[in-house]
């Protein structure tokens, strides 16, 4: 008789769920792109969203190369407030 069908068989413990930190590290490792939102210079007060490629450093922190020609860089020079995910 299969152990799965035997109600008297000892229960197999459930696998531990990863911590939120581990989930975040996994996402950073697998995704490779994120979003950067800045405040628009052309439309003051309005958000300007960009898809940003990145690479994780040796500690898993995302590194972003920002071009001086990109609109989000110009927006950041005018107003440094930004959000990313």
PDB file of N, CA and C in Angstrom:
ATOM      1  N   UNK A   1       0.839  -1.174   0.000  1.00  0.00           N
ATOM      2  CA  UNK A   1       0.000   0.000   0.000  1.00  0.00           C
ATOM      3  C   UNK A   1       0.885   1.238   0.000  1.00  0.00           C
ATOM      4  N   UNK A   2       0.545   2.237  -0.767  1.00  0.00           N
ATOM      5  CA  UNK A   2       1.306   3.471  -0.858  1.00  0.00           C
ATOM      6  C   UNK A   2       1.225   4.246   0.454  1.00  0.00           C
ATOM      7  N   UNK A   3       2.342   4.880   0.821  1.00  0.00           N
ATOM      8  CA  UNK A   3       2.364   5.689   2.044  1.00  0.00           C
ATOM      9  C   UNK A   3       1.383   6.859   1.917  1.00  0.00           C
ATOM     10  N   UNK A   4       1.179   7.338   0.692  1.00  0.00           N
ATOM     11  CA  UNK A   4       0.276   8.459   0.499  1.00  0.00           C
ATOM     12  C   UNK A   4      -1.171   8.089   0.820  1.00  0.00           C
ATOM     13  N   UNK A   5      -1.506   6.841   0.646  1.00  0.00           N
ATOM     14  CA  UNK A   5      -2.881   6.411   0.886  1.00  0.00           C
ATOM     15  C   UNK A   5      -3.091   5.907   2.311  1.00  0.00           C
ATOM     16  N   UNK A   6      -2.030   5.782   3.099  1.00  0.00           N
ATOM     17  CA  UNK A   6      -2.117   5.241   4.457  1.00  0.00           C
ATOM     18  C   UNK A   6      -2.306   6.387   5.453  1.00  0.00           C
ATOM     19  N   UNK A   7      -3.524   6.547   5.998  1.00  0.00           N
ATOM     20  CA  UNK A   7      -3.769   7.643   6.936  1.00  0.00           C
ATOM     21  C   UNK A   7      -2.978   7.523   8.232  1.00  0.00           C
ATOM     22  N   UNK A   8      -2.469   6.363   8.557  1.00  0.00           N
ATOM     23  CA  UNK A   8      -1.703   6.211   9.797  1.00  0.00           C
ATOM     24  C   UNK A   8      -0.229   6.534   9.596  1.00  0.00           C
ATOM     25  N   UNK A   9       0.195   6.794   8.365  1.00  0.00           N
ATOM     26  CA  UNK A   9       1.593   7.121   8.101  1.00  0.00           C
ATOM     27  C   UNK A   9       1.914   8.489   8.699  1.00  0.00           C
ATOM     28  N   UNK A  10       3.147   8.681   9.176  1.00  0.00           N
ATOM     29  CA  UNK A  10       3.512   9.975   9.756  1.00  0.00           C
ATOM     30  C   UNK A  10       3.457  11.076   8.692  1.00  0.00           C
ATOM     31  N   UNK A  11       3.009  12.243   9.117  1.00  0.00           N
ATOM     32  CA  UNK A  11       2.892  13.384   8.201  1.00  0.00           C
ATOM     33  C   UNK A  11       4.274  13.889   7.819  1.00  0.00           C
ATOM     34  N   UNK A  12       4.433  14.258   6.579  1.00  0.00           N
ATOM     35  CA  UNK A  12       5.689  14.826   6.101  1.00  0.00           C
ATOM     36  C   UNK A  12       5.652  16.326   6.409  1.00  0.00           C
ATOM     37  N   UNK A  13       6.683  16.856   7.070  1.00  0.00           N
ATOM     38  CA  UNK A  13       6.655  18.285   7.399  1.00  0.00           C
ATOM     39  C   UNK A  13       6.661  19.136   6.129  1.00  0.00           C
ATOM     40  N   UNK A  14       5.944  20.239   6.178  1.00  0.00           N
ATOM     41  CA  UNK A  14       5.877  21.153   5.044  1.00  0.00           C
ATOM     42  C   UNK A  14       7.222  21.858   4.876  1.00  0.00           C
ATOM     43  N   UNK A  15       7.577  22.170   3.640  1.00  0.00           N
ATOM     44  CA  UNK A  15       8.816  22.896   3.370  1.00  0.00           C
ATOM     45  C   UNK A  15       8.698  24.315   3.934  1.00  0.00           C
ATOM     46  N   UNK A  16       9.783  24.820   4.468  1.00  0.00           N
ATOM     47  CA  UNK A  16       9.786  26.170   5.033  1.00  0.00           C
ATOM     48  C   UNK A  16       9.640  27.203   3.920  1.00  0.00           C
ATOM     49  N   UNK A  17       8.851  28.220   4.177  1.00  0.00           N
ATOM     50  CA  UNK A  17       8.682  29.306   3.217  1.00  0.00           C
ATOM     51  C   UNK A  17       9.916  30.206   3.277  1.00  0.00           C
ATOM     52  N   UNK A  18      10.378  30.708   2.124  1.00  0.00           N
ATOM     53  CA  UNK A  18      11.523  31.631   2.165  1.00  0.00           C
ATOM     54  C   UNK A  18      11.130  32.948   2.822  1.00  0.00           C
ATOM     55  N   UNK A  19      12.107  33.602   3.438  1.00  0.00           N
ATOM     56  CA  UNK A  19      11.849  34.902   4.066  1.00  0.00           C
ATOM     57  C   UNK A  19      11.592  35.945   2.976  1.00  0.00           C
ATOM     58  N   UNK A  20      11.048  37.088   3.376  1.00  0.00           N
ATOM     59  CA  UNK A  20      10.831  38.162   2.411  1.00  0.00           C
ATOM     60  C   UNK A  20      12.162  38.644   1.833  1.00  0.00           C
ATOM     61  N   UNK A  21      13.212  38.659   2.651  1.00  0.00           N
ATOM     62  CA  UNK A  21      14.532  39.068   2.159  1.00  0.00           C
ATOM     63  C   UNK A  21      15.016  38.111   1.077  1.00  0.00           C
ATOM     64  N   UNK A  22      14.846  36.815   1.294  1.00  0.00           N
ATOM     65  CA  UNK A  22      15.265  35.827   0.292  1.00  0.00           C
ATOM     66  C   UNK A  22      14.431  35.952  -0.977  1.00  0.00           C
ATOM     67  N   UNK A  23      13.159  36.220  -0.830  1.00  0.00           N
ATOM     68  CA  UNK A  23      12.307  36.423  -2.009  1.00  0.00           C
ATOM     69  C   UNK A  23      12.773  37.644  -2.798  1.00  0.00           C
ATOM     70  N   UNK A  24      13.137  38.727  -2.093  1.00  0.00           N
ATOM     71  CA  UNK A  24      13.616  39.937  -2.761  1.00  0.00           C
ATOM     72  C   UNK A  24      14.932  39.670  -3.481  1.00  0.00           C
ATOM     73  N   UNK A  25      15.859  38.943  -2.834  1.00  0.00           N
ATOM     74  CA  UNK A  25      17.133  38.615  -3.473  1.00  0.00           C
ATOM     75  C   UNK A  25      16.916  37.761  -4.719  1.00  0.00           C
ATOM     76  N   UNK A  26      15.987  36.831  -4.643  1.00  0.00           N
ATOM     77  CA  UNK A  26      15.681  35.986  -5.802  1.00  0.00           C
ATOM     78  C   UNK A  26      15.110  36.822  -6.935  1.00  0.00           C
ATOM     79  N   UNK A  27      14.210  37.728  -6.625  1.00  0.00           N
ATOM     80  CA  UNK A  27      13.626  38.597  -7.644  1.00  0.00           C
ATOM     81  C   UNK A  27      14.697  39.459  -8.311  1.00  0.00           C
ATOM     82  N   UNK A  28      15.583  40.057  -7.516  1.00  0.00           N
ATOM     83  CA  UNK A  28      16.660  40.884  -8.074  1.00  0.00           C
ATOM     84  C   UNK A  28      17.552  40.048  -8.977  1.00  0.00           C
ATOM     85  N   UNK A  29      17.826  38.815  -8.593  1.00  0.00           N
ATOM     86  CA  UNK A  29      18.697  37.935  -9.376  1.00  0.00           C
ATOM     87  C   UNK A  29      18.050  37.514 -10.694  1.00  0.00           C
ATOM     88  N   UNK A  30      16.748  37.267 -10.688  1.00  0.00           N
ATOM     89  CA  UNK A  30      16.077  36.730 -11.871  1.00  0.00           C
ATOM     90  C   UNK A  30      15.525  37.784 -12.828  1.00  0.00           C
ATOM     91  N   UNK A  31      15.059  38.905 -12.314  1.00  0.00           N
ATOM     92  CA  UNK A  31      14.301  39.850 -13.143  1.00  0.00           C
ATOM     93  C   UNK A  31      15.177  40.618 -14.134  1.00  0.00           C
ATOM     94  N   UNK A  32      16.232  41.257 -13.687  1.00  0.00           N
ATOM     95  CA  UNK A  32      17.176  42.034 -14.499  1.00  0.00           C
ATOM     96  C   UNK A  32      16.631  43.322 -15.098  1.00  0.00           C
ATOM     97  N   UNK A  33      15.351  43.626 -14.926  1.00  0.00           N
ATOM     98  CA  UNK A  33      14.814  44.936 -15.292  1.00  0.00           C
ATOM     99  C   UNK A  33      13.880  45.397 -14.185  1.00  0.00           C
ATOM    100  N   UNK A  34      13.804  46.692 -14.021  1.00  0.00           N
ATOM    101  CA  UNK A  34      12.904  47.280 -13.040  1.00  0.00           C
ATOM    102  C   UNK A  34      12.344  48.570 -13.604  1.00  0.00           C
ATOM    103  N   UNK A  35      11.639  49.292 -12.791  1.00  0.00           N
ATOM    104  CA  UNK A  35      11.053  50.560 -13.222  1.00  0.00           C
ATOM    105  C   UNK A  35      11.652  51.691 -12.395  1.00  0.00           C
ATOM    106  N   UNK A  36      11.892  52.807 -13.057  1.00  0.00           N
ATOM    107  CA  UNK A  36      12.355  54.020 -12.401  1.00  0.00           C
ATOM    108  C   UNK A  36      11.355  55.112 -12.735  1.00  0.00           C
ATOM    109  N   UNK A  37      10.801  55.738 -11.725  1.00  0.00           N
ATOM    110  CA  UNK A  37       9.871  56.844 -11.931  1.00  0.00           C
ATOM    111  C   UNK A  37      10.488  58.126 -11.394  1.00  0.00           C
ATOM    112  N   UNK A  38      10.510  59.133 -12.233  1.00  0.00           N
ATOM    113  CA  UNK A  38      11.013  60.449 -11.865  1.00  0.00           C
ATOM    114  C   UNK A  38       9.879  61.454 -12.066  1.00  0.00           C
ATOM    115  N   UNK A  39      10.137  62.703 -11.723  1.00  0.00           N
ATOM    116  CA  UNK A  39       9.155  63.763 -11.967  1.00  0.00           C
ATOM    117  C   UNK A  39       9.493  64.442 -13.282  1.00  0.00           C
ATOM    118  N   UNK A  40       8.525  64.536 -14.146  1.00  0.00           N
ATOM    119  CA  UNK A  40       8.713  65.088 -15.486  1.00  0.00           C
ATOM    120  C   UNK A  40       9.104  66.557 -15.449  1.00  0.00           C
ATOM    121  N   UNK A  41      10.085  66.934 -16.275  1.00  0.00           N
ATOM    122  CA  UNK A  41      10.428  68.352 -16.444  1.00  0.00           C
ATOM    123  C   UNK A  41       9.424  69.023 -17.376  1.00  0.00           C
ATOM    124  N   UNK A  42       8.951  68.275 -18.359  1.00  0.00           N
ATOM    125  CA  UNK A  42       8.026  68.845 -19.342  1.00  0.00           C
ATOM    126  C   UNK A  42       6.640  69.089 -18.761  1.00  0.00           C
ATOM    127  N   UNK A  43       6.193  68.170 -17.907  1.00  0.00           N
ATOM    128  CA  UNK A  43       4.880  68.294 -17.260  1.00  0.00           C
ATOM    129  C   UNK A  43       5.104  68.292 -15.749  1.00  0.00           C
ATOM    130  N   UNK A  44       5.441  69.432 -15.169  1.00  0.00           N
ATOM    131  CA  UNK A  44       5.779  69.489 -13.742  1.00  0.00           C
ATOM    132  C   UNK A  44       4.723  68.819 -12.860  1.00  0.00           C
ATOM    133  N   UNK A  45       5.218  67.992 -11.935  1.00  0.00           N
ATOM    134  CA  UNK A  45       4.346  67.294 -11.001  1.00  0.00           C
ATOM    135  C   UNK A  45       3.843  65.946 -11.499  1.00  0.00           C
ATOM    136  N   UNK A  46       4.056  65.662 -12.776  1.00  0.00           N
ATOM    137  CA  UNK A  46       3.607  64.387 -13.335  1.00  0.00           C
ATOM    138  C   UNK A  46       4.747  63.365 -13.320  1.00  0.00           C
ATOM    139  N   UNK A  47       4.413  62.086 -13.141  1.00  0.00           N
ATOM    140  CA  UNK A  47       5.455  61.057 -13.136  1.00  0.00           C
ATOM    141  C   UNK A  47       5.944  60.744 -14.547  1.00  0.00           C
ATOM    142  N   UNK A  48       7.193  60.327 -14.625  1.00  0.00           N
ATOM    143  CA  UNK A  48       7.786  59.862 -15.866  1.00  0.00           C
ATOM    144  C   UNK A  48       8.401  58.507 -15.558  1.00  0.00           C
ATOM    145  N   UNK A  49       7.864  57.443 -16.125  1.00  0.00           N
ATOM    146  CA  UNK A  49       8.333  56.089 -15.842  1.00  0.00           C
ATOM    147  C   UNK A  49       9.234  55.561 -16.933  1.00  0.00           C
ATOM    148  N   UNK A  50      10.265  54.815 -16.530  1.00  0.00           N
ATOM    149  CA  UNK A  50      11.216  54.198 -17.452  1.00  0.00           C
ATOM    150  C   UNK A  50      11.459  52.761 -17.028  1.00  0.00           C
ATOM    151  N   UNK A  51      11.642  51.877 -18.006  1.00  0.00           N
ATOM    152  CA  UNK A  51      12.102  50.517 -17.720  1.00  0.00           C
ATOM    153  C   UNK A  51      13.623  50.574 -17.692  1.00  0.00           C
ATOM    154  N   UNK A  52      14.212  50.064 -16.619  1.00  0.00           N
ATOM    155  CA  UNK A  52      15.653  50.163 -16.430  1.00  0.00           C
ATOM    156  C   UNK A  52      16.294  48.778 -16.309  1.00  0.00           C
ATOM    157  N   UNK A  53      17.243  48.447 -17.174  1.00  0.00           N
ATOM    158  CA  UNK A  53      17.998  47.216 -16.954  1.00  0.00           C
ATOM    159  C   UNK A  53      18.993  47.425 -15.807  1.00  0.00           C
ATOM    160  N   UNK A  54      19.326  46.375 -15.118  1.00  0.00           N
ATOM    161  CA  UNK A  54      20.308  46.451 -14.031  1.00  0.00           C
ATOM    162  C   UNK A  54      21.026  45.119 -13.933  1.00  0.00           C
ATOM    163  N   UNK A  55      22.084  45.114 -13.150  1.00  0.00           N
ATOM    164  CA  UNK A  55      22.779  43.882 -12.819  1.00  0.00           C
ATOM    165  C   UNK A  55      23.057  43.893 -11.323  1.00  0.00           C
ATOM    166  N   UNK A  56      22.940  42.758 -10.661  1.00  0.00           N
ATOM    167  CA  UNK A  56      23.251  42.753  -9.223  1.00  0.00           C
ATOM    168  C   UNK A  56      24.766  42.736  -8.986  1.00  0.00           C
ATOM    169  N   UNK A  57      25.207  43.432  -7.928  1.00  0.00           N
ATOM    170  CA  UNK A  57      26.619  43.382  -7.557  1.00  0.00           C
ATOM    171  C   UNK A  57      26.888  42.101  -6.771  1.00  0.00           C
ATOM    172  N   UNK A  58      28.092  41.965  -6.233  1.00  0.00           N
ATOM    173  CA  UNK A  58      28.464  40.732  -5.524  1.00  0.00           C
ATOM    174  C   UNK A  58      27.632  40.483  -4.271  1.00  0.00           C
ATOM    175  N   UNK A  59      26.973  41.520  -3.735  1.00  0.00           N
ATOM    176  CA  UNK A  59      26.109  41.349  -2.556  1.00  0.00           C
ATOM    177  C   UNK A  59      24.631  41.257  -2.938  1.00  0.00           C
ATOM    178  N   UNK A  60      24.319  41.295  -4.259  1.00  0.00           N
ATOM    179  CA  UNK A  60      22.942  41.179  -4.696  1.00  0.00           C
ATOM    180  C   UNK A  60      22.204  42.492  -4.829  1.00  0.00           C
ATOM    181  N   UNK A  61      22.907  43.609  -4.647  1.00  0.00           N
ATOM    182  CA  UNK A  61      22.277  44.920  -4.776  1.00  0.00           C
ATOM    183  C   UNK A  61      22.218  45.316  -6.246  1.00  0.00           C
ATOM    184  N   UNK A  62      21.089  45.855  -6.715  1.00  0.00           N
ATOM    185  CA  UNK A  62      21.004  46.217  -8.135  1.00  0.00           C
ATOM    186  C   UNK A  62      21.860  47.446  -8.467  1.00  0.00           C
ATOM    187  N   UNK A  63      22.618  47.325  -9.554  1.00  0.00           N
ATOM    188  CA  UNK A  63      23.422  48.435 -10.066  1.00  0.00           C
ATOM    189  C   UNK A  63      22.810  48.892 -11.383  1.00  0.00           C
ATOM    190  N   UNK A  64      22.637  50.213 -11.521  1.00  0.00           N
ATOM    191  CA  UNK A  64      22.014  50.790 -12.706  1.00  0.00           C
ATOM    192  C   UNK A  64      23.006  51.746 -13.354  1.00  0.00           C
ATOM    193  N   UNK A  65      23.184  51.632 -14.664  1.00  0.00           N
ATOM    194  CA  UNK A  65      23.993  52.584 -15.406  1.00  0.00           C
ATOM    195  C   UNK A  65      23.039  53.612 -15.993  1.00  0.00           C
ATOM    196  N   UNK A  66      23.227  54.859 -15.612  1.00  0.00           N
ATOM    197  CA  UNK A  66      22.325  55.925 -16.053  1.00  0.00           C
ATOM    198  C   UNK A  66      23.058  56.798 -17.063  1.00  0.00           C
ATOM    199  N   UNK A  67      22.498  56.931 -18.237  1.00  0.00           N
ATOM    200  CA  UNK A  67      23.073  57.733 -19.313  1.00  0.00           C
ATOM    201  C   UNK A  67      22.705  59.203 -19.136  1.00  0.00           C
ATOM    202  N   UNK A  68      23.657  60.077 -19.425  1.00  0.00           N
ATOM    203  CA  UNK A  68      23.388  61.514 -19.372  1.00  0.00           C
ATOM    204  C   UNK A  68      22.435  61.975 -20.464  1.00  0.00           C
ATOM    205  N   UNK A  69      22.228  61.147 -21.494  1.00  0.00           N
ATOM    206  CA  UNK A  69      21.322  61.503 -22.588  1.00  0.00           C
ATOM    207  C   UNK A  69      19.871  61.108 -22.302  1.00  0.00           C
ATOM    208  N   UNK A  70      19.650  60.269 -21.303  1.00  0.00           N
ATOM    209  CA  UNK A  70      18.306  59.754 -21.036  1.00  0.00           C
ATOM    210  C   UNK A  70      17.421  60.812 -20.373  1.00  0.00           C
ATOM    211  N   UNK A  71      16.140  60.787 -20.715  1.00  0.00           N
ATOM    212  CA  UNK A  71      15.199  61.755 -20.156  1.00  0.00           C
ATOM    213  C   UNK A  71      15.089  61.612 -18.635  1.00  0.00           C
ATOM    214  N   UNK A  72      15.124  60.371 -18.116  1.00  0.00           N
ATOM    215  CA  UNK A  72      15.008  60.225 -16.660  1.00  0.00           C
ATOM    216  C   UNK A  72      16.212  60.847 -15.945  1.00  0.00           C
ATOM    217  N   UNK A  73      17.391  60.838 -16.588  1.00  0.00           N
ATOM    218  CA  UNK A  73      18.566  61.483 -15.986  1.00  0.00           C
ATOM    219  C   UNK A  73      18.368  62.995 -15.934  1.00  0.00           C
ATOM    220  N   UNK A  74      17.844  63.562 -16.993  1.00  0.00           N
ATOM    221  CA  UNK A  74      17.568  65.008 -17.007  1.00  0.00           C
ATOM    222  C   UNK A  74      16.519  65.366 -15.959  1.00  0.00           C
ATOM    223  N   UNK A  75      15.520  64.502 -15.820  1.00  0.00           N
ATOM    224  CA  UNK A  75      14.509  64.732 -14.789  1.00  0.00           C
ATOM    225  C   UNK A  75      15.144  64.703 -13.398  1.00  0.00           C
ATOM    226  N   UNK A  76      16.051  63.741 -13.159  1.00  0.00           N
ATOM    227  CA  UNK A  76      16.703  63.629 -11.851  1.00  0.00           C
ATOM    228  C   UNK A  76      17.610  64.822 -11.564  1.00  0.00           C
ATOM    229  N   UNK A  77      18.241  65.373 -12.598  1.00  0.00           N
ATOM    230  CA  UNK A  77      19.082  66.554 -12.401  1.00  0.00           C
ATOM    231  C   UNK A  77      18.235  67.759 -11.974  1.00  0.00           C
ATOM    232  N   UNK A  78      17.006  67.844 -12.491  1.00  0.00           N
ATOM    233  CA  UNK A  78      16.113  68.951 -12.127  1.00  0.00           C
ATOM    234  C   UNK A  78      15.464  68.737 -10.765  1.00  0.00           C
ATOM    235  N   UNK A  79      15.158  67.481 -10.433  1.00  0.00           N
ATOM    236  CA  UNK A  79      14.496  67.143  -9.166  1.00  0.00           C
ATOM    237  C   UNK A  79      14.920  65.722  -8.800  1.00  0.00           C
ATOM    238  N   UNK A  80      15.702  65.525  -7.734  1.00  0.00           N
ATOM    239  CA  UNK A  80      16.254  64.211  -7.422  1.00  0.00           C
ATOM    240  C   UNK A  80      15.270  63.194  -6.845  1.00  0.00           C
ATOM    241  N   UNK A  81      14.023  63.579  -6.649  1.00  0.00           N
ATOM    242  CA  UNK A  81      13.060  62.627  -6.099  1.00  0.00           C
ATOM    243  C   UNK A  81      12.728  61.571  -7.151  1.00  0.00           C
ATOM    244  N   UNK A  82      12.734  60.316  -6.711  1.00  0.00           N
ATOM    245  CA  UNK A  82      12.469  59.202  -7.628  1.00  0.00           C
ATOM    246  C   UNK A  82      11.966  58.008  -6.838  1.00  0.00           C
ATOM    247  N   UNK A  83      11.378  57.072  -7.561  1.00  0.00           N
ATOM    248  CA  UNK A  83      10.937  55.801  -6.970  1.00  0.00           C
ATOM    249  C   UNK A  83      11.344  54.694  -7.930  1.00  0.00           C
ATOM    250  N   UNK A  84      11.697  53.541  -7.384  1.00  0.00           N
ATOM    251  CA  UNK A  84      12.049  52.407  -8.239  1.00  0.00           C
ATOM    252  C   UNK A  84      11.490  51.134  -7.661  1.00  0.00           C
ATOM    253  N   UNK A  85      11.313  50.166  -8.514  1.00  0.00           N
ATOM    254  CA  UNK A  85      10.856  48.830  -8.114  1.00  0.00           C
ATOM    255  C   UNK A  85      11.199  47.847  -9.177  1.00  0.00           C
TER     256      UNK A  85
END
